[in-house]
C-alpha atoms as a PDB file:
ATOM      1  CA  MET A   1     -55.500 138.021 -95.060  1.00  0.00           C
ATOM      2  CA  ASP A   2     -56.643 136.059 -97.832  1.00  0.00           C
ATOM      3  CA  ILE A   3     -52.531 135.258 -98.213  1.00  0.00           C
ATOM      4  CA  GLU A   4     -52.404 134.227 -94.444  1.00  0.00           C
ATOM      5  CA  ARG A   5     -55.848 131.893 -94.453  1.00  0.00           C
ATOM      6  CA  ILE A   6     -54.098 130.415 -97.278  1.00  0.00           C
ATOM      7  CA  GLU A   7     -50.941 129.102 -95.532  1.00  0.00           C
ATOM      8  CA  GLN A   8     -53.028 128.274 -92.106  1.00  0.00           C
ATOM      9  CA  PHE A   9     -54.907 126.425 -94.971  1.00  0.00           C
ATOM     10  CA  LYS A  10     -51.652 124.796 -95.660  1.00  0.00           C
ATOM     11  CA  LYS A  11     -50.448 124.110 -91.960  1.00  0.00           C
ATOM     12  CA  ASN A  12     -53.454 122.646 -91.451  1.00  0.00           C
ATOM     13  CA  LEU A  13     -53.917 120.194 -94.111  1.00  0.00           C
ATOM     14  CA  ALA A  14     -50.391 119.004 -93.585  1.00  0.00           C
ATOM     15  CA  ARG A  15     -50.989 118.268 -89.704  1.00  0.00           C
ATOM     16  CA  MET A  16     -54.047 116.359 -90.494  1.00  0.00           C
ATOM     17  CA  ARG A  17     -51.747 114.857 -93.135  1.00  0.00           C
ATOM     18  CA  ASP A  18     -48.893 113.775 -90.717  1.00  0.00           C
ATOM     19  CA  MET A  19     -51.770 112.733 -88.324  1.00  0.00           C
ATOM     20  CA  GLU A  20     -53.031 110.184 -90.963  1.00  0.00           C
ATOM     21  CA  ILE A  21     -49.746 108.734 -92.255  1.00  0.00           C
ATOM     22  CA  ILE A  22     -48.547 108.214 -87.861  1.00  0.00           C
ATOM     23  CA  THR A  23     -51.054 106.759 -87.711  1.00  0.00           C
ATOM     24  CA  CYS A  24     -50.386 104.290 -90.032  1.00  0.00           C
ATOM     25  CA  GLU A  25     -47.533 103.784 -89.070  1.00  0.00           C
ATOM     26  CA  SER A  26     -48.344 102.892 -85.652  1.00  0.00           C
ATOM     27  CA  PHE A  27     -50.464 100.116 -87.136  1.00  0.00           C
ATOM     28  CA  ILE A  28     -47.486  98.965 -89.177  1.00  0.00           C
ATOM     29  CA  ASN A  29     -45.548  98.994 -85.880  1.00  0.00           C
ATOM     30  CA  GLY A  30     -48.444  96.209 -84.573  1.00  0.00           C
ATOM     31  CA  LEU A  31     -49.156  94.621 -87.444  1.00  0.00           C
ATOM     32  CA  ASN A  32     -45.247  93.695 -87.229  1.00  0.00           C
ATOM     33  CA  PHE A  33     -45.726  92.483 -83.536  1.00  0.00           C
ATOM     34  CA  GLN A  34     -48.814  90.642 -83.965  1.00  0.00           C
ATOM     35  CA  ARG A  35     -46.836  88.305 -87.372  1.00  0.00           C
ATOM     36  CA  GLN A  36     -43.803  88.329 -84.473  1.00  0.00           C
ATOM     37  CA  ARG A  37     -46.419  87.057 -81.709  1.00  0.00           C
ATOM     38  CA  ILE A  38     -47.678  84.468 -84.818  1.00  0.00           C
ATOM     39  CA  LEU A  39     -44.487  82.748 -85.549  1.00  0.00           C
ATOM     40  CA  ASN A  40     -42.660  82.805 -82.276  1.00  0.00           C
ATOM     41  CA  PHE A  41     -46.042  80.551 -81.461  1.00  0.00           C
ATOM     42  CA  ASN A  42     -46.151  77.825 -78.141  1.00  0.00           C
ATOM     43  CA  SER A  43     -48.844  75.756 -77.859  1.00  0.00           C
ATOM     44  CA  THR A  44     -47.291  74.496 -74.366  1.00  0.00           C
ATOM     45  CA  GLU A  45     -46.157  77.683 -73.093  1.00  0.00           C
ATOM     46  CA  ARG A  46     -49.965  79.762 -73.996  1.00  0.00           C
ATOM     47  CA  PRO A  47     -53.544  79.301 -71.022  1.00  0.00           C
ATOM     48  CA  ARG A  48     -55.004  76.078 -71.489  1.00  0.00           C
ATOM     49  CA  GLY A  49     -58.206  77.150 -73.988  1.00  0.00           C
ATOM     50  CA  VAL A  50     -56.623  80.634 -75.611  1.00  0.00           C
ATOM     51  CA  SER A  51     -55.902  79.683 -79.724  1.00  0.00           C
ATOM     52  CA  PRO A  52     -53.271  81.125 -81.787  1.00  0.00           C
ATOM     53  CA  VAL A  53     -55.667  81.590 -84.088  1.00  0.00           C
ATOM     54  CA  HIS A  54     -56.890  84.446 -81.364  1.00  0.00           C
ATOM     55  CA  ASP A  55     -53.605  86.299 -83.097  1.00  0.00           C
ATOM     56  CA  VAL A  56     -54.339  85.526 -86.283  1.00  0.00           C
ATOM     57  CA  ASP A  57     -57.436  86.887 -86.326  1.00  0.00           C
ATOM     58  CA  PHE A  58     -56.245  90.242 -84.468  1.00  0.00           C
ATOM     59  CA  TYR A  59     -52.908  90.557 -87.824  1.00  0.00           C
ATOM     60  CA  ILE A  60     -55.803  90.019 -90.255  1.00  0.00           C
ATOM     61  CA  ILE A  61     -58.292  92.606 -88.471  1.00  0.00           C
ATOM     62  CA  ILE A  62     -54.790  95.089 -88.546  1.00  0.00           C
ATOM     63  CA  LEU A  63     -53.998  94.117 -92.177  1.00  0.00           C
ATOM     64  CA  ARG A  64     -57.005  95.274 -93.563  1.00  0.00           C
ATOM     65  CA  ARG A  65     -57.313  98.433 -91.625  1.00  0.00           C
ATOM     66  CA  LEU A  66     -53.924  99.408 -93.524  1.00  0.00           C
ATOM     67  CA  PHE A  67     -55.573  97.958 -96.551  1.00  0.00           C
ATOM     68  CA  ARG A  68     -58.225 100.523 -96.522  1.00  0.00           C
ATOM     69  CA  PHE A  69     -55.381 103.306 -96.445  1.00  0.00           C
ATOM     70  CA  ILE A  70     -54.053 102.306-100.057  1.00  0.00           C
ATOM     71  CA  GLU A  71     -57.786 102.052-100.782  1.00  0.00           C
ATOM     72  CA  LYS A  72     -58.648 105.511 -99.738  1.00  0.00           C
ATOM     73  CA  LYS A  73     -55.978 107.101-100.766  1.00  0.00           C
ATOM     74  CA  ALA A  74     -56.019 104.897-104.230  1.00  0.00           C
ATOM     75  CA  GLN A  75     -59.424 107.523-104.858  1.00  0.00           C
ATOM     76  CA  ALA A  76     -57.953 110.682-104.925  1.00  0.00           C
ATOM     77  CA  ASP A  77     -54.784 110.043-106.007  1.00  0.00           C
ATOM     78  CA  SER A  78     -53.754 108.217-109.844  1.00  0.00           C
ATOM     79  CA  ARG A  79     -50.409 106.879-108.626  1.00  0.00           C
ATOM     80  CA  VAL A  80     -51.747 104.991-105.296  1.00  0.00           C
ATOM     81  CA  ALA A  81     -53.962 103.494-107.674  1.00  0.00           C
ATOM     82  CA  ASN A  82     -51.273 102.434-110.267  1.00  0.00           C
ATOM     83  CA  LEU A  83     -49.810 101.165-107.546  1.00  0.00           C
ATOM     84  CA  LYS A  84     -52.340  99.587-105.959  1.00  0.00           C
ATOM     85  CA  GLY A  85     -53.245  98.234-109.538  1.00  0.00           C
ATOM     86  CA  GLY A  86     -49.940  96.389-110.182  1.00  0.00           C
ATOM     87  CA  HIS A  87     -50.093  94.111-106.863  1.00  0.00           C
ATOM     88  CA  ASN A  88     -54.048  93.006-107.046  1.00  0.00           C
ATOM     89  CA  SER A  89     -52.312  89.119-106.656  1.00  0.00           C
ATOM     90  CA  ILE A  90     -51.844  91.103-103.396  1.00  0.00           C
ATOM     91  CA  PHE A  91     -54.553  92.552-102.468  1.00  0.00           C
ATOM     92  CA  SER A  92     -56.557  90.250-103.376  1.00  0.00           C
ATOM     93  CA  LYS A  93     -55.668  87.915-100.528  1.00  0.00           C
ATOM     94  CA  ILE A  94     -56.566  91.178 -98.047  1.00  0.00           C
ATOM     95  CA  LYS A  95     -60.234  90.284 -98.696  1.00  0.00           C
ATOM     96  CA  ILE A  96     -60.704  87.854 -95.555  1.00  0.00           C
ATOM     97  CA  ARG A  97     -63.563  87.214 -94.263  1.00  0.00           C
ATOM     98  CA  ASP A  98     -64.697  90.722 -95.997  1.00  0.00           C
ATOM     99  CA  HIS A  99     -68.061  90.622 -94.477  1.00  0.00           C
ATOM    100  CA  PHE A 100     -66.546  90.392 -90.595  1.00  0.00           C
ATOM    101  CA  GLU A 101     -66.060  94.025 -90.649  1.00  0.00           C
ATOM    102  CA  HIS A 102     -68.868  95.186 -91.855  1.00  0.00           C
ATOM    103  CA  GLY A 103     -72.152  94.496 -90.083  1.00  0.00           C
ATOM    104  CA  THR A 104     -72.425  90.474 -90.595  1.00  0.00           C
ATOM    105  CA  ASN A 105     -72.971  88.668 -87.512  1.00  0.00           C
ATOM    106  CA  PRO A 106     -70.147  86.458 -87.007  1.00  0.00           C
ATOM    107  CA  ASP A 107     -72.327  83.865 -85.718  1.00  0.00           C
ATOM    108  CA  LYS A 108     -73.857  83.361 -88.916  1.00  0.00           C
ATOM    109  CA  LEU A 109     -71.517  82.067 -91.232  1.00  0.00           C
ATOM    110  CA  ALA A 110     -71.778  79.224 -92.161  1.00  0.00           C
ATOM    111  CA  PRO A 111     -68.132  76.862 -90.715  1.00  0.00           C
ATOM    112  CA  THR A 112     -65.643  77.025 -93.960  1.00  0.00           C
ATOM    113  CA  ASP A 113     -64.249  73.119 -95.082  1.00  0.00           C
ATOM    114  CA  VAL A 114     -61.454  72.355 -92.973  1.00  0.00           C
ATOM    115  CA  SER A 115     -61.376  68.215 -94.084  1.00  0.00           C
ATOM    116  CA  ASN A 116     -58.723  69.205 -96.647  1.00  0.00           C
ATOM    117  CA  LEU A 117     -56.213  71.716 -93.922  1.00  0.00           C
ATOM    118  CA  PRO A 118     -52.254  70.752 -94.310  1.00  0.00           C
ATOM    119  CA  LYS A 119     -51.599  68.236 -91.356  1.00  0.00           C
ATOM    120  CA  GLY A 120     -50.600  70.409 -88.364  1.00  0.00           C
ATOM    121  CA  SER A 121     -52.980  73.580 -88.764  1.00  0.00           C
ATOM    122  CA  ILE A 122     -55.200  75.077 -86.060  1.00  0.00           C
ATOM    123  CA  LYS A 123     -58.491  75.145 -86.416  1.00  0.00           C
ATOM    124  CA  ALA A 124     -60.326  77.670 -85.582  1.00  0.00           C
ATOM    125  CA  ASP A 125     -62.902  77.293 -83.182  1.00  0.00           C
ATOM    126  CA  LYS A 126     -66.479  77.291 -84.143  1.00  0.00           C
ATOM    127  CA  PRO A 127     -68.174  79.420 -85.053  1.00  0.00           C
ATOM    128  CA  VAL A 128     -65.558  80.279 -87.550  1.00  0.00           C
ATOM    129  CA  LYS A 129     -65.499  84.048 -87.336  1.00  0.00           C
ATOM    130  CA  ILE A 130     -62.482  85.241 -89.805  1.00  0.00           C
ATOM    131  CA  ALA A 131     -59.151  82.922 -89.722  1.00  0.00           C
ATOM    132  CA  THR A 132     -60.563  79.125 -90.615  1.00  0.00           C
ATOM    133  CA  SER A 133     -56.337  78.433 -89.756  1.00  0.00           C
ATOM    134  CA  PHE A 134     -52.956  79.487 -89.273  1.00  0.00           C
ATOM    135  CA  PHE A 135     -51.115  76.140 -90.276  1.00  0.00           C
ATOM    136  CA  LYS A 136     -46.605  76.682 -89.434  1.00  0.00           C
ATOM    137  CA  ASN A 137     -43.961  74.123 -90.603  1.00  0.00           C
ATOM    138  CA  ASN A 138     -40.835  74.460 -90.203  1.00  0.00           C
ATOM    139  CA  ASP A 139     -39.733  77.992 -92.189  1.00  0.00           C
ATOM    140  CA  GLU A 140     -43.374  78.037 -93.548  1.00  0.00           C
ATOM    141  CA  ALA A 141     -46.111  79.813 -92.206  1.00  0.00           C
ATOM    142  CA  LYS A 142     -49.690  80.546 -93.603  1.00  0.00           C
ATOM    143  CA  ILE A 143     -53.194  81.596 -92.465  1.00  0.00           C
ATOM    144  CA  VAL A 144     -55.834  80.087 -94.172  1.00  0.00           C
ATOM    145  CA  SER A 145     -59.139  82.038 -94.853  1.00  0.00           C
ATOM    146  CA  GLY A 146     -61.775  80.148 -96.818  1.00  0.00           C
ATOM    147  CA  GLY A 147     -60.452  80.083 -99.884  1.00  0.00           C
ATOM    148  CA  LEU A 148     -57.924  82.257 -99.879  1.00  0.00           C
ATOM    149  CA  THR A 149     -54.390  81.741 -98.286  1.00  0.00           C
ATOM    150  CA  TRP A 150     -51.575  84.504 -96.633  1.00  0.00           C
ATOM    151  CA  ASP A 151     -48.198  83.524 -96.360  1.00  0.00           C
ATOM    152  CA  ILE A 152     -47.436  85.575 -93.386  1.00  0.00           C
ATOM    153  CA  ASN A 153     -43.700  85.061 -94.206  1.00  0.00           C
ATOM    154  CA  LYS A 154     -44.171  86.129 -98.453  1.00  0.00           C
ATOM    155  CA  ASP A 155     -47.377  87.917 -98.648  1.00  0.00           C
ATOM    156  CA  HIS A 156     -46.561  90.036 -95.435  1.00  0.00           C
ATOM    157  CA  ASP A 157     -43.143  91.323 -96.429  1.00  0.00           C
ATOM    158  CA  GLN A 158     -44.829  92.025 -99.680  1.00  0.00           C
ATOM    159  CA  PHE A 159     -46.990  93.740 -98.243  1.00  0.00           C
ATOM    160  CA  ILE A 160     -44.225  96.229 -95.483  1.00  0.00           C
ATOM    161  CA  GLN A 161     -42.522  97.075 -98.940  1.00  0.00           C
ATOM    162  CA  ILE A 162     -45.939  98.276-100.660  1.00  0.00           C
ATOM    163  CA  MET A 163     -46.834 100.450 -97.691  1.00  0.00           C
ATOM    164  CA  GLU A 164     -43.550 101.473 -97.945  1.00  0.00           C
ATOM    165  CA  GLU A 165     -44.056 102.786-101.212  1.00  0.00           C
ATOM    166  CA  VAL A 166     -46.955 104.305-100.494  1.00  0.00           C
ATOM    167  CA  LEU A 167     -45.868 106.434 -97.775  1.00  0.00           C
ATOM    168  CA  ASP A 168     -42.653 107.598 -99.685  1.00  0.00           C
ATOM    169  CA  LEU A 169     -45.589 109.498-102.648  1.00  0.00           C
ATOM    170  CA  TYR A 170     -45.875 112.208 -99.359  1.00  0.00           C
ATOM    171  CA  PRO A 171     -42.864 113.987 -98.868  1.00  0.00           C
ATOM    172  CA  PHE A 172     -44.245 115.930 -96.356  1.00  0.00           C
ATOM    173  CA  GLN A 173     -44.157 113.206 -93.706  1.00  0.00           C
ATOM    174  CA  ASN A 174     -40.369 112.660 -94.156  1.00  0.00           C
ATOM    175  CA  LYS A 175     -40.400 109.297 -92.383  1.00  0.00           C
ATOM    176  CA  LYS A 176     -40.071 106.116 -93.506  1.00  0.00           C
ATOM    177  CA  ILE A 177     -40.814 102.727 -91.401  1.00  0.00           C
ATOM    178  CA  THR A 178     -38.453 101.356 -88.844  1.00  0.00           C
ATOM    179  CA  LYS A 179     -38.069  97.820 -87.090  1.00  0.00           C
ATOM    180  CA  LYS A 180     -38.588  99.111 -83.677  1.00  0.00           C
ATOM    181  CA  PRO A 181     -37.550  97.166 -81.078  1.00  0.00           C
ATOM    182  CA  LEU A 182     -40.870  94.545 -80.107  1.00  0.00           C
ATOM    183  CA  ASP A 183     -42.515  95.224 -76.725  1.00  0.00           C
ATOM    184  CA  PRO A 184     -42.829  91.988 -75.084  1.00  0.00           C
ATOM    185  CA  LEU A 185     -46.261  93.022 -74.415  1.00  0.00           C
ATOM    186  CA  GLY A 186     -48.996  92.310 -77.322  1.00  0.00           C
ATOM    187  CA  HIS A 187     -52.400  92.387 -75.909  1.00  0.00           C
ATOM    188  CA  ILE A 188     -54.656  91.310 -72.583  1.00  0.00           C
ATOM    189  CA  LYS A 189     -58.261  91.231 -72.724  1.00  0.00           C
ATOM    190  CA  ILE A 190     -60.680  91.737 -70.322  1.00  0.00           C
ATOM    191  CA  SER A 191     -64.519  90.708 -69.164  1.00  0.00           C
ATOM    192  CA  VAL A 192     -66.623  93.156 -68.357  1.00  0.00           C
ATOM    193  CA  SER A 193     -69.890  92.805 -66.527  1.00  0.00           C
ATOM    194  CA  ASP A 194     -71.403  95.892 -68.501  1.00  0.00           C
ATOM    195  CA  PHE A 195     -70.179  95.509 -71.368  1.00  0.00           C
ATOM    196  CA  ALA A 196     -71.724  99.370 -72.913  1.00  0.00           C
ATOM    197  CA  LYS A 197     -70.165 100.816 -69.344  1.00  0.00           C
ATOM    198  CA  SER A 198     -67.209  99.656 -70.217  1.00  0.00           C
ATOM    199  CA  ARG A 199     -66.820 100.414 -73.619  1.00  0.00           C
ATOM    200  CA  LYS A 200     -67.961 104.008 -73.034  1.00  0.00           C
ATOM    201  CA  PHE A 201     -65.065 104.421 -69.893  1.00  0.00           C
ATOM    202  CA  TYR A 202     -62.481 103.037 -72.195  1.00  0.00           C
ATOM    203  CA  GLY A 203     -63.426 104.884 -75.056  1.00  0.00           C
ATOM    204  CA  GLU A 204     -63.158 107.947 -73.477  1.00  0.00           C
ATOM    205  CA  LEU A 205     -59.863 106.898 -71.353  1.00  0.00           C
ATOM    206  CA  PHE A 206     -58.228 106.194 -75.184  1.00  0.00           C
ATOM    207  CA  ASP A 207     -58.911 108.761 -76.980  1.00  0.00           C
ATOM    208  CA  PHE A 208     -57.336 110.811 -74.199  1.00  0.00           C
ATOM    209  CA  ILE A 209     -53.830 108.988 -73.850  1.00  0.00           C
ATOM    210  CA  GLY A 210     -54.040 108.612 -77.802  1.00  0.00           C
ATOM    211  CA  TYR A 211     -55.023 104.632 -78.630  1.00  0.00           C
ATOM    212  CA  LYS A 212     -56.897 104.104 -81.252  1.00  0.00           C
ATOM    213  CA  ILE A 213     -59.938 101.833 -81.871  1.00  0.00           C
ATOM    214  CA  ILE A 214     -59.258  99.292 -83.824  1.00  0.00           C
ATOM    215  CA  ALA A 215     -62.426  96.921 -83.538  1.00  0.00           C
ATOM    216  CA  ASP A 216     -65.610  97.792 -82.745  1.00  0.00           C
ATOM    217  CA  GLU A 217     -68.438  94.810 -82.548  1.00  0.00           C
ATOM    218  CA  ALA A 218     -71.667  94.767 -81.137  1.00  0.00           C
ATOM    219  CA  ASN A 219     -69.659  92.072 -77.956  1.00  0.00           C
ATOM    220  CA  SER A 220     -65.561  93.624 -78.507  1.00  0.00           C
ATOM    221  CA  ALA A 221     -63.865  96.332 -79.021  1.00  0.00           C
ATOM    222  CA  ALA A 222     -60.704  97.406 -78.856  1.00  0.00           C
ATOM    223  CA  TRP A 223     -57.879  99.871 -78.792  1.00  0.00           C
ATOM    224  CA  VAL A 224     -53.994 100.236 -80.023  1.00  0.00           C
ATOM    225  CA  SER A 225     -51.404 102.472 -78.661  1.00  0.00           C
ATOM    226  CA  PRO A 226     -48.910 104.026 -81.157  1.00  0.00           C
ATOM    227  CA  GLU A 227     -46.669 101.453 -80.511  1.00  0.00           C
ATOM    228  CA  GLY A 228     -48.686  98.690 -81.188  1.00  0.00           C
ATOM    229  CA  PHE A 229     -50.293  97.386 -77.851  1.00  0.00           C
ATOM    230  CA  GLY A 230     -54.077  96.292 -77.927  1.00  0.00           C
ATOM    231  CA  PHE A 231     -56.501  96.359 -75.222  1.00  0.00           C
ATOM    232  CA  TRP A 232     -59.356  94.367 -76.071  1.00  0.00           C
ATOM    233  CA  ILE A 233     -63.061  94.428 -74.020  1.00  0.00           C
ATOM    234  CA  GLU A 234     -65.807  92.065 -74.446  1.00  0.00           C
ATOM    235  CA  PRO A 235     -68.740  91.541 -72.144  1.00  0.00           C
ATOM    236  CA  ALA A 236     -68.314  88.398 -69.239  1.00  0.00           C
ATOM    237  CA  LYS A 237     -69.395  84.468 -70.843  1.00  0.00           C
ATOM    238  CA  VAL A 238     -69.239  83.122 -67.008  1.00  0.00           C
ATOM    239  CA  GLY A 239     -71.448  84.108 -63.873  1.00  0.00           C
ATOM    240  CA  ASN A 240     -71.792  87.780 -62.819  1.00  0.00           C
ATOM    241  CA  HIS A 241     -69.720  88.813 -59.648  1.00  0.00           C
ATOM    242  CA  PRO A 242     -68.327  91.739 -59.186  1.00  0.00           C
ATOM    243  CA  TYR A 243     -64.517  92.669 -59.522  1.00  0.00           C
ATOM    244  CA  LYS A 244     -62.791  92.810 -55.663  1.00  0.00           C
ATOM    245  CA  PHE A 245     -59.685  94.477 -55.835  1.00  0.00           C
ATOM    246  CA  GLY A 246     -56.964  92.846 -53.800  1.00  0.00           C
ATOM    247  CA  ALA A 247     -58.308  89.049 -54.736  1.00  0.00           C
ATOM    248  CA  PRO A 248     -56.164  86.632 -56.716  1.00  0.00           C
ATOM    249  CA  GLY A 249     -56.030  87.665 -60.380  1.00  0.00           C
ATOM    250  CA  TRP A 250     -55.465  91.347 -61.948  1.00  0.00           C
ATOM    251  CA  HIS A 251     -53.465  93.972 -59.195  1.00  0.00           C
ATOM    252  CA  HIS A 252     -53.831  97.087 -61.587  1.00  0.00           C
ATOM    253  CA  PHE A 253     -52.487  98.034 -65.143  1.00  0.00           C
ATOM    254  CA  CYS A 254     -50.453 101.332 -66.363  1.00  0.00           C
ATOM    255  CA  PHE A 255     -50.637 102.880 -69.006  1.00  0.00           C
ATOM    256  CA  LYS A 256     -47.989 105.097 -69.447  1.00  0.00           C
ATOM    257  CA  ALA A 257     -47.572 108.739 -69.910  1.00  0.00           C
ATOM    258  CA  GLN A 258     -45.272 111.047 -72.106  1.00  0.00           C
ATOM    259  CA  SER A 259     -45.385 113.572 -69.063  1.00  0.00           C
ATOM    260  CA  ARG A 260     -46.255 114.776 -65.465  1.00  0.00           C
ATOM    261  CA  GLU A 261     -48.397 117.611 -67.261  1.00  0.00           C
ATOM    262  CA  GLN A 262     -50.803 114.451 -69.492  1.00  0.00           C
ATOM    263  CA  VAL A 263     -51.056 112.337 -66.174  1.00  0.00           C
ATOM    264  CA  ASP A 264     -52.582 116.011 -64.695  1.00  0.00           C
ATOM    265  CA  ARG A 265     -54.528 116.544 -67.523  1.00  0.00           C
ATOM    266  CA  LEU A 266     -55.854 112.729 -67.403  1.00  0.00           C
ATOM    267  CA  TYR A 267     -57.332 114.061 -63.626  1.00  0.00           C
ATOM    268  CA  ASN A 268     -58.973 117.026 -64.238  1.00  0.00           C
ATOM    269  CA  GLU A 269     -60.408 116.773 -67.653  1.00  0.00           C
ATOM    270  CA  PHE A 270     -61.118 113.048 -67.682  1.00  0.00           C
ATOM    271  CA  ILE A 271     -61.207 111.610 -64.164  1.00  0.00           C
ATOM    272  CA  ILE A 272     -62.673 114.372 -62.049  1.00  0.00           C
ATOM    273  CA  PRO A 273     -65.644 115.325 -64.183  1.00  0.00           C
ATOM    274  CA  ASN A 274     -66.521 112.073 -64.519  1.00  0.00           C
ATOM    275  CA  ASN A 275     -66.612 111.125 -61.323  1.00  0.00           C
ATOM    276  CA  ILE A 276     -64.154 108.624 -60.959  1.00  0.00           C
ATOM    277  CA  GLN A 277     -63.373 106.362 -58.421  1.00  0.00           C
ATOM    278  CA  VAL A 278     -59.960 107.547 -57.487  1.00  0.00           C
ATOM    279  CA  PHE A 279     -57.277 105.544 -55.235  1.00  0.00           C
ATOM    280  CA  ASP A 280     -54.383 107.728 -55.407  1.00  0.00           C
ATOM    281  CA  ALA A 281     -54.451 111.592 -56.844  1.00  0.00           C
ATOM    282  CA  PRO A 282     -51.459 112.585 -58.584  1.00  0.00           C
ATOM    283  CA  ALA A 283     -48.384 112.417 -56.802  1.00  0.00           C
ATOM    284  CA  ALA A 284     -44.492 111.146 -57.057  1.00  0.00           C
ATOM    285  CA  TYR A 285     -43.488 108.099 -55.870  1.00  0.00           C
ATOM    286  CA  PRO A 286     -39.398 108.709 -55.975  1.00  0.00           C
ATOM    287  CA  GLN A 287     -38.987 105.554 -53.710  1.00  0.00           C
ATOM    288  CA  TYR A 288     -39.798 103.562 -57.538  1.00  0.00           C
ATOM    289  CA  THR A 289     -37.658 105.365 -60.158  1.00  0.00           C
ATOM    290  CA  PRO A 290     -37.023 109.229 -59.139  1.00  0.00           C
ATOM    291  CA  ASP A 291     -39.677 111.029 -61.732  1.00  0.00           C
ATOM    292  CA  TYR A 292     -42.309 108.401 -61.185  1.00  0.00           C
ATOM    293  CA  TYR A 293     -45.769 110.135 -61.058  1.00  0.00           C
ATOM    294  CA  ALA A 294     -49.116 109.323 -61.686  1.00  0.00           C
ATOM    295  CA  VAL A 295     -52.543 108.800 -60.630  1.00  0.00           C
ATOM    296  CA  PHE A 296     -54.376 105.560 -59.330  1.00  0.00           C
ATOM    297  CA  PHE A 297     -57.935 105.228 -60.734  1.00  0.00           C
ATOM    298  CA  ALA A 298     -60.351 102.960 -60.813  1.00  0.00           C
ATOM    299  CA  ASP A 299     -62.622 101.239 -64.572  1.00  0.00           C
ATOM    300  CA  PRO A 300     -66.093 101.043 -64.393  1.00  0.00           C
ATOM    301  CA  GLU A 301     -65.296  97.305 -62.702  1.00  0.00           C
ATOM    302  CA  GLY A 302     -63.676  98.413 -60.039  1.00  0.00           C
ATOM    303  CA  MET A 303     -60.535  97.591 -61.805  1.00  0.00           C
ATOM    304  CA  LYS A 304     -57.847  99.248 -60.559  1.00  0.00           C
ATOM    305  CA  LEU A 305     -55.713 101.250 -63.991  1.00  0.00           C
ATOM    306  CA  GLU A 306     -52.710 103.977 -63.161  1.00  0.00           C
ATOM    307  CA  TYR A 307     -51.718 105.927 -65.541  1.00  0.00           C
ATOM    308  CA  GLY A 308     -47.889 106.923 -65.176  1.00  0.00           C
ATOM    309  CA  HIS A 309     -44.777 108.931 -65.797  1.00  0.00           C
ATOM    310  CA  TYR A 310     -41.762 107.476 -65.759  1.00  0.00           C
END
């Protein structure tokens, strides 16, 4: 019996470690995706009022999540500690706005001096939150935050190489970071009238469909899919009129399921028990594709959502 318990404990431990590495790799995919968005940005193609610094902020949040993964490993594993110690120069740059993710109100931060930024820099909107600016000129691309500068080419590639070396220390997960084709959709953000209610709804929804929370502040929250797609919510800033389905704007958004069983599980274990408005119960839609199967439901604002397998 004791031997069986020991073997079961080993299996459970390996499973926990596997999930930790898989989560880490999903963040790496997200970091690579955000980097590509930043490098390929074209200010003339962006919606009016949307700054590329927003993408830079998202990049830094993911970067710091990965850095904390290394910090956690270094506390328990001397191999990681030694590896981390050999790259202090790169890790010191990740201390970008360290207080941003530790409870400090970013609106009360003193603005950073931006008078000497290189020509062509894009300044962050006031008040400064994470990144002061993003500078791109030909092959040079840098993030500036306070007195720290992060080269999104050289520093990024070096950091990914370090992450590969860390993951290679754990043979139970026989996977290496691979460069996957980029999903053309990076992230979306919606404004909500009741932030607390929407935060609870989307938190429970994303627990079901496998998204990880990456930001949870007083006035914003964000989750990321295993493929690196981000979903943000924040309180509405202008007016408080209700969402009207069918009016100009968002018609609906689809989250993809891995199987029909996942669609049914969400419906039976999340939608029905929580009395969530249902547009259409789980059903097949062969007019779309032969294997299309989906449920359509509403978020607290009445916005139409879909969970579909196809």
